[in-house]
């Protein structure tokens, strides 16, 4: 039996056992355990705290923590059952992230675009949504399988002495990127938008401000965006449509929220 056939026979049951469903009902492939992802998240976060400047401004730190604490109270304990660690990085980039294992990072530049607590909650809710849906696990699993598939294809081309196999592989690599990996990332972004919208609403933040946030994001970008086909993120207009379509359910959660935070900056 060839080693390629053994590889396929090994992967098939692993893939079947690793199929699950995302919070929005989408089929997922996850090859890594939650413990593995949490360990990776903690390691990456520790590295970032060493390599990047951490903000020492009490006011901004307390402001972001107030919002993050309200959001994470509504994260299922099955996702993370512990105290979330928040770090504000002193950096002008307009960005934030959340990692498996209860880690949240926010860059000070984001607060120049997110004009109030509700808009910042939309970003933090979105990033935590990635963790809830285990998008990191899914992306790593997809990359692992794509890597195996590319190697198998390369070996088959070489074994059959197909001319210009390296050129074919280069083209296939581009095809995989545009046809699978980038749309896959856009799917994750759209899904995180929906999860984050509901999360911020349950925490008592006005979900309608998520639309204002992306209008601000569009202005801040100055139109410097590549075509959506070649982008890992949906265009702001696409995100706004997605948020608007899911707004009625989010508003119900917002009206039913037991508390309305008052985080001031």
C-alpha atoms as a PDB file:
ATOM      1  CA  UNK A   1       0.000   0.000   0.000  1.00  0.00           C
ATOM      2  CA  UNK A   2       1.452   3.392  -0.996  1.00  0.00           C
ATOM      3  CA  UNK A   3       2.120   6.025   1.611  1.00  0.00           C
ATOM      4  CA  UNK A   4      -0.391   8.347  -0.123  1.00  0.00           C
ATOM      5  CA  UNK A   5      -3.156   5.798   0.266  1.00  0.00           C
ATOM      6  CA  UNK A   6      -2.237   5.251   3.908  1.00  0.00           C
ATOM      7  CA  UNK A   7      -2.374   9.012   4.407  1.00  0.00           C
ATOM      8  CA  UNK A   8      -5.851   9.254   2.927  1.00  0.00           C
ATOM      9  CA  UNK A   9      -7.114   6.283   4.967  1.00  0.00           C
ATOM     10  CA  UNK A  10      -5.786   7.932   8.089  1.00  0.00           C
ATOM     11  CA  UNK A  11      -7.283  11.329   7.334  1.00  0.00           C
ATOM     12  CA  UNK A  12     -10.803  10.189   6.374  1.00  0.00           C
ATOM     13  CA  UNK A  13     -11.917   8.958   9.842  1.00  0.00           C
ATOM     14  CA  UNK A  14     -10.179  11.939  11.457  1.00  0.00           C
ATOM     15  CA  UNK A  15     -12.140  14.345   9.250  1.00  0.00           C
ATOM     16  CA  UNK A  16     -15.423  12.556   9.918  1.00  0.00           C
ATOM     17  CA  UNK A  17     -14.873  12.675  13.686  1.00  0.00           C
ATOM     18  CA  UNK A  18     -13.910  16.361  13.578  1.00  0.00           C
ATOM     19  CA  UNK A  19     -17.060  17.713  11.927  1.00  0.00           C
ATOM     20  CA  UNK A  20     -19.213  20.039  14.032  1.00  0.00           C
ATOM     21  CA  UNK A  21     -21.620  22.952  13.696  1.00  0.00           C
ATOM     22  CA  UNK A  22     -20.985  26.652  14.299  1.00  0.00           C
ATOM     23  CA  UNK A  23     -23.303  28.848  16.439  1.00  0.00           C
ATOM     24  CA  UNK A  24     -25.073  29.973  13.252  1.00  0.00           C
ATOM     25  CA  UNK A  25     -25.584  26.391  12.023  1.00  0.00           C
ATOM     26  CA  UNK A  26     -22.726  26.250   9.529  1.00  0.00           C
ATOM     27  CA  UNK A  27     -20.782  22.985   9.169  1.00  0.00           C
ATOM     28  CA  UNK A  28     -17.231  23.164  10.519  1.00  0.00           C
ATOM     29  CA  UNK A  29     -14.090  21.055  10.533  1.00  0.00           C
ATOM     30  CA  UNK A  30     -12.049  21.261  13.751  1.00  0.00           C
ATOM     31  CA  UNK A  31      -9.004  19.040  14.162  1.00  0.00           C
ATOM     32  CA  UNK A  32      -7.638  20.580  17.365  1.00  0.00           C
ATOM     33  CA  UNK A  33      -8.870  20.346  20.956  1.00  0.00           C
ATOM     34  CA  UNK A  34      -9.986  23.367  22.976  1.00  0.00           C
ATOM     35  CA  UNK A  35      -7.033  22.801  25.294  1.00  0.00           C
ATOM     36  CA  UNK A  36      -4.592  22.948  22.405  1.00  0.00           C
ATOM     37  CA  UNK A  37      -6.108  26.191  21.123  1.00  0.00           C
ATOM     38  CA  UNK A  38      -6.134  27.753  24.596  1.00  0.00           C
ATOM     39  CA  UNK A  39      -2.455  26.915  25.013  1.00  0.00           C
ATOM     40  CA  UNK A  40      -1.625  28.445  21.644  1.00  0.00           C
ATOM     41  CA  UNK A  41      -3.657  31.545  22.493  1.00  0.00           C
ATOM     42  CA  UNK A  42      -1.900  32.039  25.815  1.00  0.00           C
ATOM     43  CA  UNK A  43       1.522  31.596  24.230  1.00  0.00           C
ATOM     44  CA  UNK A  44       0.763  34.070  21.449  1.00  0.00           C
ATOM     45  CA  UNK A  45      -0.652  36.607  23.917  1.00  0.00           C
ATOM     46  CA  UNK A  46       2.389  36.406  26.193  1.00  0.00           C
ATOM     47  CA  UNK A  47       4.596  37.018  23.172  1.00  0.00           C
ATOM     48  CA  UNK A  48       2.615  40.070  22.134  1.00  0.00           C
ATOM     49  CA  UNK A  49       2.832  41.566  25.629  1.00  0.00           C
ATOM     50  CA  UNK A  50       6.590  41.249  25.405  1.00  0.00           C
ATOM     51  CA  UNK A  51       7.003  42.576  21.884  1.00  0.00           C
ATOM     52  CA  UNK A  52       4.448  45.411  21.871  1.00  0.00           C
ATOM     53  CA  UNK A  53       4.028  48.444  24.097  1.00  0.00           C
ATOM     54  CA  UNK A  54       1.293  48.034  26.688  1.00  0.00           C
ATOM     55  CA  UNK A  55      -0.729  51.134  27.550  1.00  0.00           C
ATOM     56  CA  UNK A  56      -0.197  52.536  31.039  1.00  0.00           C
ATOM     57  CA  UNK A  57      -3.101  54.986  30.893  1.00  0.00           C
ATOM     58  CA  UNK A  58      -5.552  54.076  33.693  1.00  0.00           C
ATOM     59  CA  UNK A  59      -8.529  55.891  32.172  1.00  0.00           C
ATOM     60  CA  UNK A  60      -8.453  54.151  28.789  1.00  0.00           C
ATOM     61  CA  UNK A  61      -7.646  50.789  30.394  1.00  0.00           C
ATOM     62  CA  UNK A  62     -10.601  51.056  32.772  1.00  0.00           C
ATOM     63  CA  UNK A  63     -12.881  52.162  29.945  1.00  0.00           C
ATOM     64  CA  UNK A  64     -12.008  49.184  27.734  1.00  0.00           C
ATOM     65  CA  UNK A  65     -12.157  46.785  30.693  1.00  0.00           C
ATOM     66  CA  UNK A  66     -15.638  48.021  31.601  1.00  0.00           C
ATOM     67  CA  UNK A  67     -16.863  47.171  28.103  1.00  0.00           C
ATOM     68  CA  UNK A  68     -15.000  43.869  27.837  1.00  0.00           C
ATOM     69  CA  UNK A  69     -16.244  42.690  31.245  1.00  0.00           C
ATOM     70  CA  UNK A  70     -19.847  43.351  30.237  1.00  0.00           C
ATOM     71  CA  UNK A  71     -19.366  41.449  26.974  1.00  0.00           C
ATOM     72  CA  UNK A  72     -17.564  38.413  28.391  1.00  0.00           C
ATOM     73  CA  UNK A  73     -20.219  37.861  31.050  1.00  0.00           C
ATOM     74  CA  UNK A  74     -22.409  36.556  28.235  1.00  0.00           C
ATOM     75  CA  UNK A  75     -19.860  34.169  26.728  1.00  0.00           C
ATOM     76  CA  UNK A  76     -20.898  30.533  27.283  1.00  0.00           C
ATOM     77  CA  UNK A  77     -18.866  28.830  30.010  1.00  0.00           C
ATOM     78  CA  UNK A  78     -18.259  25.983  27.593  1.00  0.00           C
ATOM     79  CA  UNK A  79     -16.164  28.423  25.535  1.00  0.00           C
ATOM     80  CA  UNK A  80     -14.121  29.734  28.458  1.00  0.00           C
ATOM     81  CA  UNK A  81     -14.813  29.277  32.150  1.00  0.00           C
ATOM     82  CA  UNK A  82     -12.421  31.687  33.779  1.00  0.00           C
ATOM     83  CA  UNK A  83     -11.379  35.318  34.089  1.00  0.00           C
ATOM     84  CA  UNK A  84     -10.661  36.982  30.765  1.00  0.00           C
ATOM     85  CA  UNK A  85      -7.363  38.816  30.450  1.00  0.00           C
ATOM     86  CA  UNK A  86      -7.513  42.209  28.747  1.00  0.00           C
ATOM     87  CA  UNK A  87      -4.545  44.234  27.526  1.00  0.00           C
ATOM     88  CA  UNK A  88      -4.668  47.648  25.849  1.00  0.00           C
ATOM     89  CA  UNK A  89      -1.742  48.079  23.478  1.00  0.00           C
ATOM     90  CA  UNK A  90      -0.389  51.584  22.952  1.00  0.00           C
ATOM     91  CA  UNK A  91      -0.410  51.555  19.174  1.00  0.00           C
ATOM     92  CA  UNK A  92      -2.178  53.742  16.578  1.00  0.00           C
ATOM     93  CA  UNK A  93      -3.497  50.857  14.511  1.00  0.00           C
ATOM     94  CA  UNK A  94      -7.279  50.546  14.411  1.00  0.00           C
ATOM     95  CA  UNK A  95      -7.604  46.987  15.591  1.00  0.00           C
ATOM     96  CA  UNK A  96      -8.528  44.531  18.332  1.00  0.00           C
ATOM     97  CA  UNK A  97      -8.457  40.766  18.726  1.00  0.00           C
ATOM     98  CA  UNK A  98      -9.520  37.919  20.989  1.00  0.00           C
ATOM     99  CA  UNK A  99      -7.763  34.590  21.422  1.00  0.00           C
ATOM    100  CA  UNK A 100      -8.808  31.172  22.726  1.00  0.00           C
ATOM    101  CA  UNK A 101      -8.157  30.812  26.432  1.00  0.00           C
ATOM    102  CA  UNK A 102      -9.783  34.120  27.413  1.00  0.00           C
ATOM    103  CA  UNK A 103      -7.448  36.741  25.942  1.00  0.00           C
ATOM    104  CA  UNK A 104      -8.482  40.147  24.532  1.00  0.00           C
ATOM    105  CA  UNK A 105      -6.230  42.802  23.030  1.00  0.00           C
ATOM    106  CA  UNK A 106      -7.335  46.308  22.039  1.00  0.00           C
ATOM    107  CA  UNK A 107      -5.164  48.924  20.308  1.00  0.00           C
ATOM    108  CA  UNK A 108      -5.480  52.560  21.364  1.00  0.00           C
ATOM    109  CA  UNK A 109      -5.934  53.598  17.728  1.00  0.00           C
ATOM    110  CA  UNK A 110      -9.309  51.872  17.699  1.00  0.00           C
ATOM    111  CA  UNK A 111     -10.673  54.402  20.186  1.00  0.00           C
ATOM    112  CA  UNK A 112     -10.181  57.163  17.613  1.00  0.00           C
ATOM    113  CA  UNK A 113     -12.687  55.425  15.328  1.00  0.00           C
ATOM    114  CA  UNK A 114     -15.042  53.769  17.834  1.00  0.00           C
ATOM    115  CA  UNK A 115     -16.662  56.951  19.105  1.00  0.00           C
ATOM    116  CA  UNK A 116     -18.498  55.552  22.131  1.00  0.00           C
ATOM    117  CA  UNK A 117     -18.883  52.491  24.351  1.00  0.00           C
ATOM    118  CA  UNK A 118     -21.432  50.915  22.022  1.00  0.00           C
ATOM    119  CA  UNK A 119     -19.154  51.073  18.979  1.00  0.00           C
ATOM    120  CA  UNK A 120     -16.185  49.678  20.907  1.00  0.00           C
ATOM    121  CA  UNK A 121     -18.477  46.944  22.242  1.00  0.00           C
ATOM    122  CA  UNK A 122     -19.328  46.059  18.628  1.00  0.00           C
ATOM    123  CA  UNK A 123     -15.644  45.449  17.891  1.00  0.00           C
ATOM    124  CA  UNK A 124     -14.946  43.509  21.087  1.00  0.00           C
ATOM    125  CA  UNK A 125     -18.136  41.474  20.614  1.00  0.00           C
ATOM    126  CA  UNK A 126     -17.072  40.680  17.051  1.00  0.00           C
ATOM    127  CA  UNK A 127     -13.612  39.533  18.141  1.00  0.00           C
ATOM    128  CA  UNK A 128     -15.002  37.410  20.969  1.00  0.00           C
ATOM    129  CA  UNK A 129     -17.439  36.005  18.407  1.00  0.00           C
ATOM    130  CA  UNK A 130     -14.471  34.515  16.551  1.00  0.00           C
ATOM    131  CA  UNK A 131     -13.497  32.691  19.750  1.00  0.00           C
ATOM    132  CA  UNK A 132     -17.043  31.478  20.428  1.00  0.00           C
ATOM    133  CA  UNK A 133     -17.291  30.048  16.902  1.00  0.00           C
ATOM    134  CA  UNK A 134     -13.764  28.573  17.152  1.00  0.00           C
ATOM    135  CA  UNK A 135     -12.726  30.142  13.872  1.00  0.00           C
ATOM    136  CA  UNK A 136      -9.057  29.804  14.806  1.00  0.00           C
ATOM    137  CA  UNK A 137      -9.463  26.048  15.101  1.00  0.00           C
ATOM    138  CA  UNK A 138     -11.322  25.913  11.806  1.00  0.00           C
ATOM    139  CA  UNK A 139      -8.734  27.980   9.928  1.00  0.00           C
ATOM    140  CA  UNK A 140      -5.839  25.937  11.270  1.00  0.00           C
ATOM    141  CA  UNK A 141      -7.634  22.705  10.409  1.00  0.00           C
ATOM    142  CA  UNK A 142      -8.399  23.924   6.891  1.00  0.00           C
ATOM    143  CA  UNK A 143      -4.797  25.030   6.364  1.00  0.00           C
ATOM    144  CA  UNK A 144      -3.528  21.659   7.538  1.00  0.00           C
ATOM    145  CA  UNK A 145      -5.753  19.772   5.094  1.00  0.00           C
ATOM    146  CA  UNK A 146      -4.970  22.141   2.223  1.00  0.00           C
ATOM    147  CA  UNK A 147      -1.262  21.609   2.899  1.00  0.00           C
ATOM    148  CA  UNK A 148      -1.680  17.838   2.761  1.00  0.00           C
ATOM    149  CA  UNK A 149      -3.788  18.054  -0.401  1.00  0.00           C
ATOM    150  CA  UNK A 150      -1.282  20.289  -2.161  1.00  0.00           C
ATOM    151  CA  UNK A 151       1.574  17.943  -1.305  1.00  0.00           C
ATOM    152  CA  UNK A 152      -0.353  14.904  -2.548  1.00  0.00           C
ATOM    153  CA  UNK A 153      -1.196  16.705  -5.815  1.00  0.00           C
ATOM    154  CA  UNK A 154       2.440  17.719  -6.268  1.00  0.00           C
ATOM    155  CA  UNK A 155       3.604  14.130  -5.804  1.00  0.00           C
ATOM    156  CA  UNK A 156       1.053  12.822  -8.290  1.00  0.00           C
ATOM    157  CA  UNK A 157       2.094  15.375 -10.902  1.00  0.00           C
ATOM    158  CA  UNK A 158       5.751  14.501 -10.467  1.00  0.00           C
ATOM    159  CA  UNK A 159       5.068  10.752 -10.476  1.00  0.00           C
ATOM    160  CA  UNK A 160       3.257  11.053 -13.808  1.00  0.00           C
ATOM    161  CA  UNK A 161       5.952  13.372 -15.201  1.00  0.00           C
ATOM    162  CA  UNK A 162       3.477  16.041 -16.171  1.00  0.00           C
ATOM    163  CA  UNK A 163       5.239  18.937 -17.871  1.00  0.00           C
ATOM    164  CA  UNK A 164       5.543  22.224 -15.958  1.00  0.00           C
ATOM    165  CA  UNK A 165       4.192  20.708 -12.739  1.00  0.00           C
ATOM    166  CA  UNK A 166       5.646  23.587 -10.712  1.00  0.00           C
ATOM    167  CA  UNK A 167       3.658  26.108 -12.783  1.00  0.00           C
ATOM    168  CA  UNK A 168       0.481  24.076 -12.341  1.00  0.00           C
ATOM    169  CA  UNK A 169       1.046  23.974  -8.574  1.00  0.00           C
ATOM    170  CA  UNK A 170       1.583  27.716  -8.485  1.00  0.00           C
ATOM    171  CA  UNK A 171      -1.698  28.237 -10.292  1.00  0.00           C
ATOM    172  CA  UNK A 172      -3.445  25.742  -8.023  1.00  0.00           C
ATOM    173  CA  UNK A 173      -2.107  27.573  -4.992  1.00  0.00           C
ATOM    174  CA  UNK A 174      -3.621  30.827  -6.212  1.00  0.00           C
ATOM    175  CA  UNK A 175      -6.860  29.028  -6.986  1.00  0.00           C
ATOM    176  CA  UNK A 176      -7.001  27.616  -3.478  1.00  0.00           C
ATOM    177  CA  UNK A 177      -6.322  31.025  -1.969  1.00  0.00           C
ATOM    178  CA  UNK A 178      -8.972  32.898  -3.935  1.00  0.00           C
ATOM    179  CA  UNK A 179     -11.498  30.083  -4.167  1.00  0.00           C
ATOM    180  CA  UNK A 180     -11.296  28.638  -0.653  1.00  0.00           C
ATOM    181  CA  UNK A 181      -9.180  30.442   1.903  1.00  0.00           C
ATOM    182  CA  UNK A 182     -10.276  34.038   1.284  1.00  0.00           C
ATOM    183  CA  UNK A 183     -14.038  33.376   1.039  1.00  0.00           C
ATOM    184  CA  UNK A 184     -13.624  31.146   4.083  1.00  0.00           C
ATOM    185  CA  UNK A 185     -12.188  34.126   5.993  1.00  0.00           C
ATOM    186  CA  UNK A 186     -15.013  36.375   4.786  1.00  0.00           C
ATOM    187  CA  UNK A 187     -17.496  33.780   6.028  1.00  0.00           C
ATOM    188  CA  UNK A 188     -15.819  33.894   9.427  1.00  0.00           C
ATOM    189  CA  UNK A 189     -15.961  37.685   9.512  1.00  0.00           C
ATOM    190  CA  UNK A 190     -19.658  37.755   8.631  1.00  0.00           C
ATOM    191  CA  UNK A 191     -20.428  35.062  11.197  1.00  0.00           C
ATOM    192  CA  UNK A 192     -18.474  36.907  13.895  1.00  0.00           C
ATOM    193  CA  UNK A 193     -20.456  40.049  13.053  1.00  0.00           C
ATOM    194  CA  UNK A 194     -23.722  38.210  13.742  1.00  0.00           C
ATOM    195  CA  UNK A 195     -22.470  36.593  16.966  1.00  0.00           C
ATOM    196  CA  UNK A 196     -20.942  39.861  18.146  1.00  0.00           C
ATOM    197  CA  UNK A 197     -24.130  41.793  17.403  1.00  0.00           C
ATOM    198  CA  UNK A 198     -26.159  39.494  19.623  1.00  0.00           C
ATOM    199  CA  UNK A 199     -23.442  39.449  22.276  1.00  0.00           C
ATOM    200  CA  UNK A 200     -23.233  43.242  22.584  1.00  0.00           C
ATOM    201  CA  UNK A 201     -27.025  43.502  22.675  1.00  0.00           C
ATOM    202  CA  UNK A 202     -27.306  40.958  25.502  1.00  0.00           C
ATOM    203  CA  UNK A 203     -24.649  42.922  27.385  1.00  0.00           C
ATOM    204  CA  UNK A 204     -26.797  46.069  27.138  1.00  0.00           C
ATOM    205  CA  UNK A 205     -24.974  47.934  24.367  1.00  0.00           C
ATOM    206  CA  UNK A 206     -27.002  49.476  21.547  1.00  0.00           C
ATOM    207  CA  UNK A 207     -26.539  47.144  18.521  1.00  0.00           C
ATOM    208  CA  UNK A 208     -27.552  49.915  16.107  1.00  0.00           C
ATOM    209  CA  UNK A 209     -24.223  51.573  16.837  1.00  0.00           C
ATOM    210  CA  UNK A 210     -22.473  48.678  15.044  1.00  0.00           C
ATOM    211  CA  UNK A 211     -23.663  50.202  11.777  1.00  0.00           C
ATOM    212  CA  UNK A 212     -22.255  53.594  12.782  1.00  0.00           C
ATOM    213  CA  UNK A 213     -18.971  51.887  13.631  1.00  0.00           C
ATOM    214  CA  UNK A 214     -18.565  50.462  10.136  1.00  0.00           C
ATOM    215  CA  UNK A 215     -19.510  53.780   8.595  1.00  0.00           C
ATOM    216  CA  UNK A 216     -16.653  55.254  10.638  1.00  0.00           C
ATOM    217  CA  UNK A 217     -14.371  52.419   9.532  1.00  0.00           C
ATOM    218  CA  UNK A 218     -15.162  53.148   5.899  1.00  0.00           C
ATOM    219  CA  UNK A 219     -14.301  56.826   6.380  1.00  0.00           C
ATOM    220  CA  UNK A 220     -11.088  55.965   8.246  1.00  0.00           C
ATOM    221  CA  UNK A 221      -9.931  53.682   5.449  1.00  0.00           C
ATOM    222  CA  UNK A 222     -10.211  56.540   2.963  1.00  0.00           C
ATOM    223  CA  UNK A 223     -11.427  54.118   0.310  1.00  0.00           C
ATOM    224  CA  UNK A 224      -8.097  52.272   0.347  1.00  0.00           C
ATOM    225  CA  UNK A 225      -9.601  48.815  -0.042  1.00  0.00           C
ATOM    226  CA  UNK A 226      -8.821  46.068  -2.531  1.00  0.00           C
ATOM    227  CA  UNK A 227     -11.713  44.305  -4.327  1.00  0.00           C
ATOM    228  CA  UNK A 228     -13.803  42.160  -2.000  1.00  0.00           C
ATOM    229  CA  UNK A 229     -12.986  39.081  -4.109  1.00  0.00           C
ATOM    230  CA  UNK A 230      -9.349  39.390  -2.988  1.00  0.00           C
ATOM    231  CA  UNK A 231      -9.991  40.491   0.574  1.00  0.00           C
ATOM    232  CA  UNK A 232     -10.175  38.427   3.738  1.00  0.00           C
ATOM    233  CA  UNK A 233     -12.755  40.884   5.103  1.00  0.00           C
ATOM    234  CA  UNK A 234     -16.112  41.898   3.632  1.00  0.00           C
ATOM    235  CA  UNK A 235     -16.427  45.484   2.465  1.00  0.00           C
ATOM    236  CA  UNK A 236     -17.943  47.847   5.061  1.00  0.00           C
ATOM    237  CA  UNK A 237     -21.115  48.154   2.933  1.00  0.00           C
ATOM    238  CA  UNK A 238     -21.488  44.358   2.943  1.00  0.00           C
ATOM    239  CA  UNK A 239     -21.026  44.224   6.694  1.00  0.00           C
ATOM    240  CA  UNK A 240     -23.585  46.974   7.222  1.00  0.00           C
ATOM    241  CA  UNK A 241     -26.141  45.042   5.131  1.00  0.00           C
ATOM    242  CA  UNK A 242     -25.428  41.900   7.145  1.00  0.00           C
ATOM    243  CA  UNK A 243     -25.806  43.744  10.451  1.00  0.00           C
ATOM    244  CA  UNK A 244     -28.986  45.490   9.326  1.00  0.00           C
ATOM    245  CA  UNK A 245     -30.581  42.198   8.299  1.00  0.00           C
ATOM    246  CA  UNK A 246     -29.887  40.761  11.757  1.00  0.00           C
ATOM    247  CA  UNK A 247     -30.804  43.919  13.685  1.00  0.00           C
ATOM    248  CA  UNK A 248     -34.425  43.042  14.653  1.00  0.00           C
ATOM    249  CA  UNK A 249     -33.323  40.018  16.703  1.00  0.00           C
ATOM    250  CA  UNK A 250     -30.478  42.001  18.266  1.00  0.00           C
ATOM    251  CA  UNK A 251     -32.838  44.804  19.268  1.00  0.00           C
ATOM    252  CA  UNK A 252     -35.052  42.293  21.058  1.00  0.00           C
ATOM    253  CA  UNK A 253     -32.042  41.139  23.070  1.00  0.00           C
ATOM    254  CA  UNK A 254     -31.039  44.744  23.754  1.00  0.00           C
ATOM    255  CA  UNK A 255     -34.476  45.674  25.086  1.00  0.00           C
ATOM    256  CA  UNK A 256     -34.498  42.560  27.262  1.00  0.00           C
ATOM    257  CA  UNK A 257     -31.011  43.204  28.695  1.00  0.00           C
ATOM    258  CA  UNK A 258     -31.086  43.390  32.492  1.00  0.00           C
ATOM    259  CA  UNK A 259     -28.312  45.990  32.653  1.00  0.00           C
ATOM    260  CA  UNK A 260     -27.179  48.906  30.495  1.00  0.00           C
ATOM    261  CA  UNK A 261     -23.459  49.611  31.088  1.00  0.00           C
ATOM    262  CA  UNK A 262     -22.198  53.157  31.493  1.00  0.00           C
ATOM    263  CA  UNK A 263     -18.532  52.928  30.506  1.00  0.00           C
ATOM    264  CA  UNK A 264     -16.987  56.388  30.221  1.00  0.00           C
ATOM    265  CA  UNK A 265     -13.730  57.456  28.595  1.00  0.00           C
END
